[in-house]
């Protein structure tokens, strides 16, 4: 792992299999960014891929990070406390609002159509 100042929060370098994180990140943002970059690494994403593939890889890395960092029972408890207020839920769980939104989009209750 390497660190840098300014620019991107984090980056996966597939050719050297290295993750770079910006030095000045808030601990919560650092935690979530590292999980996202690990998603790239564990899914063997190519950091030199074309734009259409990079978009898909970014979504996959976001979903990976959300699933690793957000426990369904913790989410349910936080949602019972705060309702659908993503900022409050994120603060309670210790992740970013972005990851809460990603997680919620992929864990909606199944609806039974009569």
N, C-alpha and C. Protein backbone atom coordinates (compact mmCIF):
# COMPACT_ATOMS: atom_id res chain seq x y z
N UNK A 1 0.85 -1.17 0.00
CA UNK A 1 0.00 0.00 0.00
C UNK A 1 0.90 1.23 0.00
N UNK A 2 0.45 2.24 -0.71
CA UNK A 2 1.19 3.50 -0.75
C UNK A 2 0.24 4.64 -0.39
N UNK A 3 0.81 5.80 -0.13
CA UNK A 3 -0.03 6.96 0.18
C UNK A 3 0.44 8.14 -0.66
N UNK A 4 -0.48 9.09 -0.84
CA UNK A 4 -0.17 10.26 -1.65
C UNK A 4 -0.90 11.47 -1.08
N UNK A 5 -0.52 12.65 -1.52
CA UNK A 5 -1.19 13.87 -1.11
C UNK A 5 -1.97 14.43 -2.30
N UNK A 6 -3.16 14.94 -2.02
CA UNK A 6 -3.99 15.53 -3.05
C UNK A 6 -4.53 14.51 -4.04
N UNK A 7 -5.50 14.95 -4.81
CA UNK A 7 -6.05 14.09 -5.86
C UNK A 7 -7.03 13.06 -5.36
N UNK A 8 -7.02 11.91 -6.01
CA UNK A 8 -7.98 10.85 -5.73
C UNK A 8 -7.89 10.37 -4.27
N UNK A 9 -9.05 9.95 -3.74
CA UNK A 9 -9.06 9.39 -2.38
C UNK A 9 -8.25 8.10 -2.34
N UNK A 10 -8.42 7.30 -3.37
CA UNK A 10 -7.71 6.04 -3.44
C UNK A 10 -7.62 5.55 -4.87
N UNK A 11 -6.73 4.58 -5.07
CA UNK A 11 -6.57 4.04 -6.42
C UNK A 11 -5.99 2.63 -6.33
N UNK A 12 -6.50 1.77 -7.20
CA UNK A 12 -5.98 0.41 -7.36
C UNK A 12 -5.08 0.41 -8.60
N UNK A 13 -3.85 -0.04 -8.43
CA UNK A 13 -2.90 -0.16 -9.54
C UNK A 13 -2.75 -1.64 -9.85
N UNK A 14 -3.47 -2.11 -10.87
CA UNK A 14 -3.50 -3.54 -11.16
C UNK A 14 -2.15 -4.08 -11.63
N UNK A 15 -1.37 -3.28 -12.32
CA UNK A 15 -0.08 -3.78 -12.83
C UNK A 15 0.90 -4.10 -11.70
N UNK A 16 0.85 -3.36 -10.59
CA UNK A 16 1.74 -3.63 -9.45
C UNK A 16 0.99 -4.23 -8.26
N UNK A 17 -0.33 -4.42 -8.42
CA UNK A 17 -1.21 -4.94 -7.36
C UNK A 17 -1.01 -4.15 -6.06
N UNK A 18 -1.09 -2.82 -6.21
CA UNK A 18 -0.88 -1.90 -5.10
C UNK A 18 -2.09 -0.99 -4.95
N UNK A 19 -2.42 -0.67 -3.71
CA UNK A 19 -3.47 0.30 -3.41
C UNK A 19 -2.80 1.56 -2.91
N UNK A 20 -3.25 2.70 -3.42
CA UNK A 20 -2.78 3.99 -2.95
C UNK A 20 -3.92 4.73 -2.28
N UNK A 21 -3.67 5.32 -1.12
CA UNK A 21 -4.67 6.11 -0.40
C UNK A 21 -4.12 7.50 -0.12
N UNK A 22 -4.99 8.50 -0.20
CA UNK A 22 -4.58 9.87 0.11
C UNK A 22 -4.32 9.98 1.61
N UNK A 23 -3.27 10.65 1.99
CA UNK A 23 -2.83 10.75 3.38
C UNK A 23 -3.81 11.46 4.30
N UNK A 24 -4.52 12.46 3.79
CA UNK A 24 -5.31 13.34 4.65
C UNK A 24 -6.77 12.92 4.82
N UNK A 25 -7.11 11.68 4.52
CA UNK A 25 -8.50 11.26 4.62
C UNK A 25 -8.95 11.12 6.07
N UNK A 26 -10.18 11.53 6.34
CA UNK A 26 -10.82 11.29 7.64
C UNK A 26 -10.85 9.77 7.85
N UNK A 27 -10.71 9.29 9.09
CA UNK A 27 -10.67 7.85 9.33
C UNK A 27 -11.83 7.06 8.70
N UNK A 28 -13.05 7.59 8.76
CA UNK A 28 -14.18 6.88 8.16
C UNK A 28 -14.03 6.80 6.65
N UNK A 29 -13.62 7.89 6.04
CA UNK A 29 -13.42 7.90 4.59
C UNK A 29 -12.26 6.99 4.18
N UNK A 30 -11.22 6.97 5.00
CA UNK A 30 -10.07 6.09 4.73
C UNK A 30 -10.50 4.62 4.78
N UNK A 31 -11.28 4.26 5.79
CA UNK A 31 -11.80 2.90 6.00
C UNK A 31 -12.64 2.47 4.80
N UNK A 32 -13.55 3.33 4.37
CA UNK A 32 -14.44 3.01 3.26
C UNK A 32 -13.70 2.98 1.93
N UNK A 33 -12.75 3.89 1.75
CA UNK A 33 -11.96 3.92 0.52
C UNK A 33 -11.09 2.67 0.41
N UNK A 34 -10.48 2.26 1.52
CA UNK A 34 -9.67 1.05 1.50
C UNK A 34 -10.53 -0.17 1.14
N UNK A 35 -11.72 -0.27 1.71
CA UNK A 35 -12.61 -1.40 1.38
C UNK A 35 -12.97 -1.38 -0.10
N UNK A 36 -13.23 -0.19 -0.64
CA UNK A 36 -13.54 -0.06 -2.07
C UNK A 36 -12.36 -0.53 -2.92
N UNK A 37 -11.17 -0.07 -2.59
CA UNK A 37 -9.98 -0.45 -3.37
C UNK A 37 -9.69 -1.94 -3.23
N UNK A 38 -9.93 -2.51 -2.06
CA UNK A 38 -9.79 -3.97 -1.90
C UNK A 38 -10.78 -4.71 -2.79
N UNK A 39 -11.96 -4.11 -3.00
CA UNK A 39 -12.92 -4.69 -3.93
C UNK A 39 -12.34 -4.79 -5.33
N UNK A 40 -11.63 -3.76 -5.75
CA UNK A 40 -10.96 -3.82 -7.05
C UNK A 40 -9.92 -4.95 -7.06
N UNK A 41 -9.11 -5.00 -6.01
CA UNK A 41 -8.03 -6.00 -5.95
C UNK A 41 -8.58 -7.42 -5.95
N UNK A 42 -9.55 -7.69 -5.11
CA UNK A 42 -10.07 -9.06 -4.98
C UNK A 42 -10.89 -9.50 -6.19
N UNK A 43 -11.39 -8.54 -6.96
CA UNK A 43 -12.11 -8.86 -8.19
C UNK A 43 -11.20 -8.80 -9.42
N UNK A 44 -9.89 -8.64 -9.19
CA UNK A 44 -8.90 -8.59 -10.27
C UNK A 44 -9.25 -7.57 -11.35
N UNK A 45 -9.69 -6.39 -10.92
CA UNK A 45 -10.03 -5.34 -11.87
C UNK A 45 -8.77 -4.79 -12.53
N UNK A 46 -8.92 -4.40 -13.78
CA UNK A 46 -7.82 -3.82 -14.56
C UNK A 46 -7.92 -2.30 -14.47
N UNK A 47 -6.95 -1.68 -13.82
CA UNK A 47 -6.99 -0.22 -13.65
C UNK A 47 -6.77 0.53 -14.96
N UNK A 48 -6.40 -0.17 -16.01
CA UNK A 48 -6.20 0.47 -17.31
C UNK A 48 -7.36 0.21 -18.26
N UNK A 49 -8.46 -0.31 -17.75
CA UNK A 49 -9.61 -0.67 -18.59
C UNK A 49 -10.25 0.56 -19.23
N UNK A 50 -10.99 0.31 -20.30
CA UNK A 50 -11.72 1.38 -20.98
C UNK A 50 -12.84 1.89 -20.09
N UNK A 51 -13.34 3.08 -20.41
CA UNK A 51 -14.32 3.78 -19.57
C UNK A 51 -15.55 2.93 -19.27
N UNK A 52 -16.12 2.26 -20.26
CA UNK A 52 -17.35 1.48 -20.03
C UNK A 52 -17.10 0.37 -19.02
N UNK A 53 -15.91 -0.23 -19.04
CA UNK A 53 -15.59 -1.30 -18.10
C UNK A 53 -15.23 -0.72 -16.74
N UNK A 54 -14.56 0.42 -16.72
CA UNK A 54 -14.22 1.07 -15.44
C UNK A 54 -15.48 1.39 -14.66
N UNK A 55 -16.53 1.86 -15.35
CA UNK A 55 -17.79 2.18 -14.67
C UNK A 55 -18.35 0.93 -13.98
N UNK A 56 -18.33 -0.19 -14.68
CA UNK A 56 -18.82 -1.44 -14.08
C UNK A 56 -17.93 -1.85 -12.90
N UNK A 57 -16.62 -1.71 -13.06
CA UNK A 57 -15.70 -2.06 -11.98
C UNK A 57 -15.91 -1.18 -10.75
N UNK A 58 -16.19 0.10 -10.97
CA UNK A 58 -16.46 1.00 -9.84
C UNK A 58 -17.70 0.55 -9.08
N UNK A 59 -18.76 0.20 -9.80
CA UNK A 59 -19.98 -0.28 -9.14
C UNK A 59 -19.70 -1.56 -8.36
N UNK A 60 -18.96 -2.48 -8.96
CA UNK A 60 -18.62 -3.74 -8.27
C UNK A 60 -17.81 -3.48 -7.01
N UNK A 61 -16.86 -2.56 -7.07
CA UNK A 61 -16.04 -2.23 -5.90
C UNK A 61 -16.88 -1.57 -4.82
N UNK A 62 -17.81 -0.71 -5.21
CA UNK A 62 -18.72 -0.09 -4.24
C UNK A 62 -19.58 -1.14 -3.55
N UNK A 63 -20.15 -2.06 -4.32
CA UNK A 63 -21.00 -3.10 -3.75
C UNK A 63 -20.19 -3.99 -2.82
N UNK A 64 -18.97 -4.34 -3.21
CA UNK A 64 -18.09 -5.13 -2.35
C UNK A 64 -17.88 -4.41 -1.02
N UNK A 65 -17.48 -3.14 -1.08
CA UNK A 65 -17.20 -2.38 0.14
C UNK A 65 -18.44 -2.29 1.03
N UNK A 66 -19.59 -2.01 0.44
CA UNK A 66 -20.82 -1.90 1.22
C UNK A 66 -21.15 -3.23 1.90
N UNK A 67 -21.01 -4.33 1.18
CA UNK A 67 -21.34 -5.64 1.75
C UNK A 67 -20.36 -6.06 2.84
N UNK A 68 -19.10 -5.66 2.71
CA UNK A 68 -18.10 -6.01 3.72
C UNK A 68 -18.27 -5.16 4.99
N UNK A 69 -18.57 -3.89 4.82
CA UNK A 69 -18.58 -2.97 5.96
C UNK A 69 -19.93 -2.80 6.64
N UNK A 70 -21.02 -3.17 5.98
CA UNK A 70 -22.35 -2.93 6.56
C UNK A 70 -22.99 -4.26 6.92
N UNK A 71 -23.20 -4.44 8.21
CA UNK A 71 -23.88 -5.63 8.71
C UNK A 71 -25.39 -5.41 8.63
N UNK A 72 -26.13 -6.34 8.03
CA UNK A 72 -27.57 -6.14 7.87
C UNK A 72 -28.31 -5.85 9.19
N UNK A 73 -27.91 -6.51 10.26
CA UNK A 73 -28.61 -6.27 11.53
C UNK A 73 -28.29 -4.88 12.09
N UNK A 74 -27.05 -4.41 11.89
CA UNK A 74 -26.71 -3.05 12.30
C UNK A 74 -27.48 -2.02 11.49
N UNK A 75 -27.60 -2.28 10.19
CA UNK A 75 -28.36 -1.37 9.32
C UNK A 75 -29.81 -1.32 9.78
N UNK A 76 -30.39 -2.48 10.03
CA UNK A 76 -31.80 -2.53 10.46
C UNK A 76 -32.00 -1.77 11.77
N UNK A 77 -31.10 -1.97 12.72
CA UNK A 77 -31.20 -1.26 14.00
C UNK A 77 -31.09 0.25 13.81
N UNK A 78 -30.14 0.67 12.99
CA UNK A 78 -29.97 2.11 12.74
C UNK A 78 -31.18 2.68 12.01
N UNK A 79 -31.74 1.93 11.08
CA UNK A 79 -32.91 2.42 10.35
C UNK A 79 -34.12 2.51 11.27
N UNK A 80 -34.23 1.60 12.23
CA UNK A 80 -35.32 1.68 13.21
C UNK A 80 -35.17 2.93 14.08
N UNK A 81 -33.94 3.28 14.41
CA UNK A 81 -33.68 4.47 15.22
C UNK A 81 -33.91 5.78 14.45
N UNK A 82 -33.44 5.82 13.21
CA UNK A 82 -33.40 7.08 12.47
C UNK A 82 -34.32 7.16 11.26
N UNK A 83 -35.01 6.08 10.95
CA UNK A 83 -35.82 6.09 9.73
C UNK A 83 -34.91 6.05 8.52
N UNK A 84 -35.40 6.47 7.38
CA UNK A 84 -34.59 6.40 6.15
C UNK A 84 -33.62 7.57 5.99
N UNK A 85 -33.05 8.03 7.07
CA UNK A 85 -32.10 9.15 7.03
C UNK A 85 -30.68 8.60 6.86
N UNK A 86 -30.24 8.58 5.60
CA UNK A 86 -28.96 7.95 5.28
C UNK A 86 -27.78 8.54 6.04
N UNK A 87 -27.77 9.84 6.24
CA UNK A 87 -26.67 10.47 6.97
C UNK A 87 -26.57 9.96 8.40
N UNK A 88 -27.70 9.87 9.07
CA UNK A 88 -27.71 9.38 10.45
C UNK A 88 -27.34 7.90 10.51
N UNK A 89 -27.84 7.13 9.56
CA UNK A 89 -27.51 5.69 9.52
C UNK A 89 -26.02 5.51 9.28
N UNK A 90 -25.47 6.27 8.34
CA UNK A 90 -24.03 6.18 8.04
C UNK A 90 -23.20 6.52 9.27
N UNK A 91 -23.57 7.58 9.97
CA UNK A 91 -22.85 7.98 11.17
C UNK A 91 -22.92 6.88 12.24
N UNK A 92 -24.09 6.32 12.43
CA UNK A 92 -24.29 5.26 13.42
C UNK A 92 -23.43 4.03 13.12
N UNK A 93 -23.36 3.66 11.85
CA UNK A 93 -22.62 2.45 11.46
C UNK A 93 -21.13 2.73 11.28
N UNK A 94 -20.77 3.98 10.96
CA UNK A 94 -19.37 4.33 10.79
C UNK A 94 -18.87 4.17 9.37
N UNK A 95 -19.76 4.43 8.41
CA UNK A 95 -19.39 4.38 6.99
C UNK A 95 -19.86 5.66 6.31
N UNK A 96 -19.57 5.79 5.03
CA UNK A 96 -19.99 6.97 4.28
C UNK A 96 -21.45 6.86 3.85
N UNK A 97 -22.06 7.99 3.60
CA UNK A 97 -23.43 8.02 3.07
C UNK A 97 -23.47 7.29 1.73
N UNK A 98 -22.45 7.47 0.93
CA UNK A 98 -22.41 6.80 -0.38
C UNK A 98 -22.55 5.28 -0.22
N UNK A 99 -21.81 4.69 0.72
CA UNK A 99 -21.91 3.24 0.89
C UNK A 99 -23.26 2.82 1.44
N UNK A 100 -23.87 3.65 2.27
CA UNK A 100 -25.23 3.35 2.75
C UNK A 100 -26.18 3.31 1.57
N UNK A 101 -26.08 4.28 0.68
CA UNK A 101 -26.96 4.31 -0.50
C UNK A 101 -26.72 3.10 -1.40
N UNK A 102 -25.47 2.73 -1.59
CA UNK A 102 -25.16 1.55 -2.41
C UNK A 102 -25.75 0.31 -1.76
N UNK A 103 -25.54 0.15 -0.46
CA UNK A 103 -26.04 -1.03 0.24
C UNK A 103 -27.56 -1.09 0.17
N UNK A 104 -28.22 0.03 0.45
CA UNK A 104 -29.69 0.06 0.44
C UNK A 104 -30.24 -0.27 -0.95
N UNK A 105 -29.58 0.19 -1.99
CA UNK A 105 -30.04 -0.08 -3.36
C UNK A 105 -29.96 -1.56 -3.71
N UNK A 106 -29.09 -2.29 -3.04
CA UNK A 106 -28.91 -3.71 -3.34
C UNK A 106 -29.52 -4.63 -2.29
N UNK A 107 -30.16 -4.06 -1.30
CA UNK A 107 -30.77 -4.87 -0.24
C UNK A 107 -32.20 -4.42 0.04
N UNK A 108 -32.95 -4.15 -1.00
CA UNK A 108 -34.34 -3.74 -0.80
C UNK A 108 -35.17 -4.97 -0.48
N UNK A 109 -36.18 -4.80 0.35
CA UNK A 109 -37.03 -5.95 0.69
C UNK A 109 -37.72 -6.50 -0.55
N UNK A 110 -37.89 -7.80 -0.58
CA UNK A 110 -38.61 -8.43 -1.68
C UNK A 110 -40.10 -8.12 -1.54
N UNK A 111 -40.68 -7.69 -2.62
CA UNK A 111 -42.11 -7.39 -2.62
C UNK A 111 -42.86 -8.55 -3.26
N UNK A 112 -43.93 -8.96 -2.62
CA UNK A 112 -44.77 -10.03 -3.16
C UNK A 112 -45.94 -9.39 -3.87
N UNK A 113 -46.07 -9.68 -5.14
CA UNK A 113 -47.16 -9.12 -5.93
C UNK A 113 -48.30 -10.13 -5.95
N UNK A 114 -49.49 -9.70 -5.47
CA UNK A 114 -50.63 -10.64 -5.43
C UNK A 114 -51.12 -11.00 -6.82
